[in-house]
Amino acid sequence: MKLKLPEVRRSGDIVVNIENLAKSWKKDDGSELSVFSGIDGVVERLNKVAVTGVNGAGKSTLLKVITGQTEATDGICTLGGSVETGYFSQYSSDILDPDKTIYEEVQSRNPGETKGAVMNLLGAFLFSGDDADKKNTYTFRRRKKQGNACNSVFPAT
């Protein structure tokens, strides 16, 4: 697959700074479930980072805190200058509008693109012709592929 990604603005030298970060969720009984705590770190421009751990360790929650999709319970998470975040959730198919076609979904996320550019992108994800005009009401596997197409190049804002 060959994709042409849009140019992005240069970020500052510090991409994200994390100090004593913690997250817990309120349980139905009023108690709290600690997901993680005491996380410190700095990600600098051009660094590559892997977030690994067992299921339930809080990897997705950490990324949601960093991208601003949920708030930390404690600590500080600061994005550097000119940093723009995107997050491709493992449940990304949930955000697709079932009343839109895959073409409409991608086009709505980047209204400045031509029909040809959107169709070329969809073709890179193996959507061609009639596939682009089908509604987002197919199986999970197909919806996951549609989510990949939508979010990899045109993230939701």
C-alpha atoms as a PDB file:
ATOM      1  CA  MET A   1       0.000   0.000   0.000  1.00  0.00           C
ATOM      2  CA  LYS A   2       1.286   3.444  -0.849  1.00  0.00           C
ATOM      3  CA  LEU A   3      -0.214   6.503   0.832  1.00  0.00           C
ATOM      4  CA  LYS A   4       0.686  10.148   0.461  1.00  0.00           C
ATOM      5  CA  LEU A   5       0.272  11.720   3.873  1.00  0.00           C
ATOM      6  CA  PRO A   6      -0.298  15.458   4.219  1.00  0.00           C
ATOM      7  CA  GLU A   7       2.538  17.672   5.410  1.00  0.00           C
ATOM      8  CA  VAL A   8       2.420  18.392   9.121  1.00  0.00           C
ATOM      9  CA  ARG A   9       3.685  21.364  11.056  1.00  0.00           C
ATOM     10  CA  ARG A  10       6.906  20.785  13.029  1.00  0.00           C
ATOM     11  CA  SER A  11       6.265  20.210  16.715  1.00  0.00           C
ATOM     12  CA  GLY A  12       8.364  21.521  19.558  1.00  0.00           C
ATOM     13  CA  ASP A  13      11.256  19.466  20.910  1.00  0.00           C
ATOM     14  CA  ILE A  14       9.067  18.099  23.728  1.00  0.00           C
ATOM     15  CA  VAL A  15       6.103  16.123  22.370  1.00  0.00           C
ATOM     16  CA  VAL A  16       4.588  15.116  25.710  1.00  0.00           C
ATOM     17  CA  ASN A  17       5.661  15.561  29.308  1.00  0.00           C
ATOM     18  CA  ILE A  18       4.112  13.308  31.974  1.00  0.00           C
ATOM     19  CA  GLU A  19       4.525  13.855  35.715  1.00  0.00           C
ATOM     20  CA  ASN A  20       3.136  11.509  38.383  1.00  0.00           C
ATOM     21  CA  LEU A  21       0.216  10.626  36.131  1.00  0.00           C
ATOM     22  CA  ALA A  22      -2.601   8.493  37.543  1.00  0.00           C
ATOM     23  CA  LYS A  23      -5.993   7.335  36.373  1.00  0.00           C
ATOM     24  CA  SER A  24      -8.737   5.514  38.188  1.00  0.00           C
ATOM     25  CA  TRP A  25     -12.330   4.810  37.289  1.00  0.00           C
ATOM     26  CA  LYS A  26     -15.306   5.023  39.641  1.00  0.00           C
ATOM     27  CA  LYS A  27     -16.989   1.671  40.130  1.00  0.00           C
ATOM     28  CA  ASP A  28     -20.744   1.218  40.521  1.00  0.00           C
ATOM     29  CA  ASP A  29     -20.347   0.695  44.273  1.00  0.00           C
ATOM     30  CA  GLY A  30     -18.596   4.084  44.640  1.00  0.00           C
ATOM     31  CA  SER A  31     -15.109   2.673  45.102  1.00  0.00           C
ATOM     32  CA  GLU A  32     -12.302   3.404  42.666  1.00  0.00           C
ATOM     33  CA  LEU A  33     -10.404   1.069  40.380  1.00  0.00           C
ATOM     34  CA  SER A  34      -6.822   2.260  39.913  1.00  0.00           C
ATOM     35  CA  VAL A  35      -5.745   1.750  36.305  1.00  0.00           C
ATOM     36  CA  PHE A  36      -2.237   3.198  36.663  1.00  0.00           C
ATOM     37  CA  SER A  37      -0.355   5.613  38.891  1.00  0.00           C
ATOM     38  CA  GLY A  38       3.031   7.265  39.287  1.00  0.00           C
ATOM     39  CA  ILE A  39       3.861   7.468  35.584  1.00  0.00           C
ATOM     40  CA  ASP A  40       6.644   9.896  34.692  1.00  0.00           C
ATOM     41  CA  GLY A  41       8.260  10.456  31.332  1.00  0.00           C
ATOM     42  CA  VAL A  42       9.134  12.737  28.469  1.00  0.00           C
ATOM     43  CA  VAL A  43       8.727  11.967  24.783  1.00  0.00           C
ATOM     44  CA  GLU A  44      10.929  14.109  22.603  1.00  0.00           C
ATOM     45  CA  ARG A  45      10.483  14.922  18.935  1.00  0.00           C
ATOM     46  CA  LEU A  46      11.599  12.042  16.663  1.00  0.00           C
ATOM     47  CA  ASN A  47      11.518   9.530  19.558  1.00  0.00           C
ATOM     48  CA  LYS A  48       9.720   6.282  18.938  1.00  0.00           C
ATOM     49  CA  VAL A  49       7.703   4.848  21.809  1.00  0.00           C
ATOM     50  CA  ALA A  50       6.015   1.483  22.314  1.00  0.00           C
ATOM     51  CA  VAL A  51       3.283   1.070  24.904  1.00  0.00           C
ATOM     52  CA  THR A  52       3.230  -2.576  25.936  1.00  0.00           C
ATOM     53  CA  GLY A  53       1.616  -4.585  28.692  1.00  0.00           C
ATOM     54  CA  VAL A  54      -0.862  -7.300  29.488  1.00  0.00           C
ATOM     55  CA  ASN A  55      -4.570  -6.883  28.804  1.00  0.00           C
ATOM     56  CA  GLY A  56      -6.107  -4.507  31.304  1.00  0.00           C
ATOM     57  CA  ALA A  57      -2.808  -2.822  32.192  1.00  0.00           C
ATOM     58  CA  GLY A  58      -4.092   0.612  31.129  1.00  0.00           C
ATOM     59  CA  LYS A  59      -2.349   1.090  27.771  1.00  0.00           C
ATOM     60  CA  SER A  60      -5.427   2.418  25.969  1.00  0.00           C
ATOM     61  CA  THR A  61      -6.397   4.538  28.965  1.00  0.00           C
ATOM     62  CA  LEU A  62      -2.927   6.102  29.064  1.00  0.00           C
ATOM     63  CA  LEU A  63      -3.177   6.981  25.373  1.00  0.00           C
ATOM     64  CA  LYS A  64      -6.654   8.430  25.924  1.00  0.00           C
ATOM     65  CA  VAL A  65      -5.280  10.652  28.705  1.00  0.00           C
ATOM     66  CA  ILE A  66      -2.400  11.811  26.484  1.00  0.00           C
ATOM     67  CA  THR A  67      -4.752  12.592  23.580  1.00  0.00           C
ATOM     68  CA  GLY A  68      -7.258  14.377  25.820  1.00  0.00           C
ATOM     69  CA  GLN A  69     -10.106  11.887  25.423  1.00  0.00           C
ATOM     70  CA  THR A  70     -10.286  11.375  29.171  1.00  0.00           C
ATOM     71  CA  GLU A  71      -8.850  13.283  32.111  1.00  0.00           C
ATOM     72  CA  ALA A  72      -6.174  12.028  34.462  1.00  0.00           C
ATOM     73  CA  THR A  73      -7.207  11.451  38.062  1.00  0.00           C
ATOM     74  CA  ASP A  74      -3.918  12.924  39.266  1.00  0.00           C
ATOM     75  CA  GLY A  75      -0.674  14.267  37.863  1.00  0.00           C
ATOM     76  CA  ILE A  76       0.142  16.331  34.823  1.00  0.00           C
ATOM     77  CA  CYS A  77       0.190  15.471  31.131  1.00  0.00           C
ATOM     78  CA  THR A  78       1.303  18.348  28.908  1.00  0.00           C
ATOM     79  CA  LEU A  79       1.575  18.328  25.141  1.00  0.00           C
ATOM     80  CA  GLY A  80       4.419  20.288  23.581  1.00  0.00           C
ATOM     81  CA  GLY A  81       4.090  23.205  21.228  1.00  0.00           C
ATOM     82  CA  SER A  82       2.405  22.533  17.870  1.00  0.00           C
ATOM     83  CA  VAL A  83       1.675  18.900  18.793  1.00  0.00           C
ATOM     84  CA  GLU A  84      -1.478  17.542  17.183  1.00  0.00           C
ATOM     85  CA  THR A  85      -2.744  14.220  18.473  1.00  0.00           C
ATOM     86  CA  GLY A  86      -4.762  11.463  16.891  1.00  0.00           C
ATOM     87  CA  TYR A  87      -5.970   8.247  18.429  1.00  0.00           C
ATOM     88  CA  PHE A  88      -7.117   5.150  16.587  1.00  0.00           C
ATOM     89  CA  SER A  89      -9.173   3.224  19.105  1.00  0.00           C
ATOM     90  CA  GLN A  90      -9.425  -0.534  19.138  1.00  0.00           C
ATOM     91  CA  TYR A  91     -13.153   0.194  19.086  1.00  0.00           C
ATOM     92  CA  SER A  92     -12.904   2.652  16.181  1.00  0.00           C
ATOM     93  CA  SER A  93     -15.720   1.041  14.251  1.00  0.00           C
ATOM     94  CA  ASP A  94     -18.093   2.366  16.908  1.00  0.00           C
ATOM     95  CA  ILE A  95     -17.551   5.931  15.670  1.00  0.00           C
ATOM     96  CA  LEU A  96     -18.640   5.253  12.098  1.00  0.00           C
ATOM     97  CA  ASP A  97     -22.018   6.701  11.167  1.00  0.00           C
ATOM     98  CA  PRO A  98     -24.161   3.745  10.006  1.00  0.00           C
ATOM     99  CA  ASP A  99     -26.180   6.081   7.764  1.00  0.00           C
ATOM    100  CA  LYS A 100     -23.136   7.161   5.739  1.00  0.00           C
ATOM    101  CA  THR A 101     -21.289   5.335   3.010  1.00  0.00           C
ATOM    102  CA  ILE A 102     -17.569   4.780   3.459  1.00  0.00           C
ATOM    103  CA  TYR A 103     -16.977   7.448   0.794  1.00  0.00           C
ATOM    104  CA  GLU A 104     -19.169   9.942   2.708  1.00  0.00           C
ATOM    105  CA  GLU A 105     -17.382   9.094   5.965  1.00  0.00           C
ATOM    106  CA  VAL A 106     -13.913   9.767   4.555  1.00  0.00           C
ATOM    107  CA  GLN A 107     -15.040  12.821   2.575  1.00  0.00           C
ATOM    108  CA  SER A 108     -16.645  14.367   5.685  1.00  0.00           C
ATOM    109  CA  ARG A 109     -13.335  14.093   7.546  1.00  0.00           C
ATOM    110  CA  ASN A 110     -11.488  15.996   4.844  1.00  0.00           C
ATOM    111  CA  PRO A 111     -13.928  18.135   2.871  1.00  0.00           C
ATOM    112  CA  GLY A 112     -11.121  19.834   0.922  1.00  0.00           C
ATOM    113  CA  GLU A 113     -10.136  16.645  -0.913  1.00  0.00           C
ATOM    114  CA  THR A 114     -11.359  15.899  -4.406  1.00  0.00           C
ATOM    115  CA  LYS A 115     -13.535  12.889  -5.147  1.00  0.00           C
ATOM    116  CA  GLY A 116     -10.591  11.335  -6.997  1.00  0.00           C
ATOM    117  CA  ALA A 117      -8.268  11.724  -3.995  1.00  0.00           C
ATOM    118  CA  VAL A 118     -10.816  10.122  -1.672  1.00  0.00           C
ATOM    119  CA  MET A 119     -11.458   7.274  -4.105  1.00  0.00           C
ATOM    120  CA  ASN A 120      -7.693   6.690  -4.453  1.00  0.00           C
ATOM    121  CA  LEU A 121      -7.384   6.458  -0.676  1.00  0.00           C
ATOM    122  CA  LEU A 122     -10.298   4.050  -0.473  1.00  0.00           C
ATOM    123  CA  GLY A 123      -8.710   1.977  -3.224  1.00  0.00           C
ATOM    124  CA  ALA A 124      -5.556   1.673  -1.102  1.00  0.00           C
ATOM    125  CA  PHE A 125      -7.758   0.005   1.533  1.00  0.00           C
ATOM    126  CA  LEU A 126      -9.323  -2.294  -1.100  1.00  0.00           C
ATOM    127  CA  PHE A 127     -12.579  -0.364  -1.453  1.00  0.00           C
ATOM    128  CA  SER A 128     -13.432   0.065  -5.086  1.00  0.00           C
ATOM    129  CA  GLY A 129     -16.407   1.178  -7.132  1.00  0.00           C
ATOM    130  CA  ASP A 130     -19.607  -0.046  -5.495  1.00  0.00           C
ATOM    131  CA  ASP A 131     -17.864  -0.761  -2.167  1.00  0.00           C
ATOM    132  CA  ALA A 132     -17.369   2.968  -1.597  1.00  0.00           C
ATOM    133  CA  ASP A 133     -21.115   3.538  -1.963  1.00  0.00           C
ATOM    134  CA  LYS A 134     -22.220   0.936   0.605  1.00  0.00           C
ATOM    135  CA  LYS A 135     -23.463   2.022   4.022  1.00  0.00           C
ATOM    136  CA  ASN A 136     -21.379   1.445   7.169  1.00  0.00           C
ATOM    137  CA  THR A 137     -23.637  -1.383   8.340  1.00  0.00           C
ATOM    138  CA  TYR A 138     -21.486  -4.396   7.510  1.00  0.00           C
ATOM    139  CA  THR A 139     -19.686  -6.882   9.708  1.00  0.00           C
ATOM    140  CA  PHE A 140     -17.219  -5.823  12.381  1.00  0.00           C
ATOM    141  CA  ARG A 141     -14.270  -6.862  10.215  1.00  0.00           C
ATOM    142  CA  ARG A 142     -15.435  -4.681   7.348  1.00  0.00           C
ATOM    143  CA  ARG A 143     -16.225  -1.781   9.683  1.00  0.00           C
ATOM    144  CA  LYS A 144     -12.755  -2.082  11.229  1.00  0.00           C
ATOM    145  CA  LYS A 145     -11.229  -1.810   7.740  1.00  0.00           C
ATOM    146  CA  GLN A 146     -13.430   1.225   7.071  1.00  0.00           C
ATOM    147  CA  GLY A 147     -12.299   2.764  10.340  1.00  0.00           C
ATOM    148  CA  ASN A 148      -8.678   2.226   9.337  1.00  0.00           C
ATOM    149  CA  ALA A 149      -9.306   4.043   6.070  1.00  0.00           C
ATOM    150  CA  CYS A 150     -11.042   6.939   7.782  1.00  0.00           C
ATOM    151  CA  ASN A 151      -8.695   7.402  10.688  1.00  0.00           C
ATOM    152  CA  SER A 152      -5.303   6.651   9.188  1.00  0.00           C
ATOM    153  CA  VAL A 153      -5.279   9.646   6.913  1.00  0.00           C
ATOM    154  CA  PHE A 154      -8.236  11.770   7.968  1.00  0.00           C
ATOM    155  CA  PRO A 155      -8.531  11.512  11.784  1.00  0.00           C
ATOM    156  CA  ALA A 156     -11.716  12.709  13.409  1.00  0.00           C
ATOM    157  CA  THR A 157     -11.353  16.128  14.970  1.00  0.00           C
END
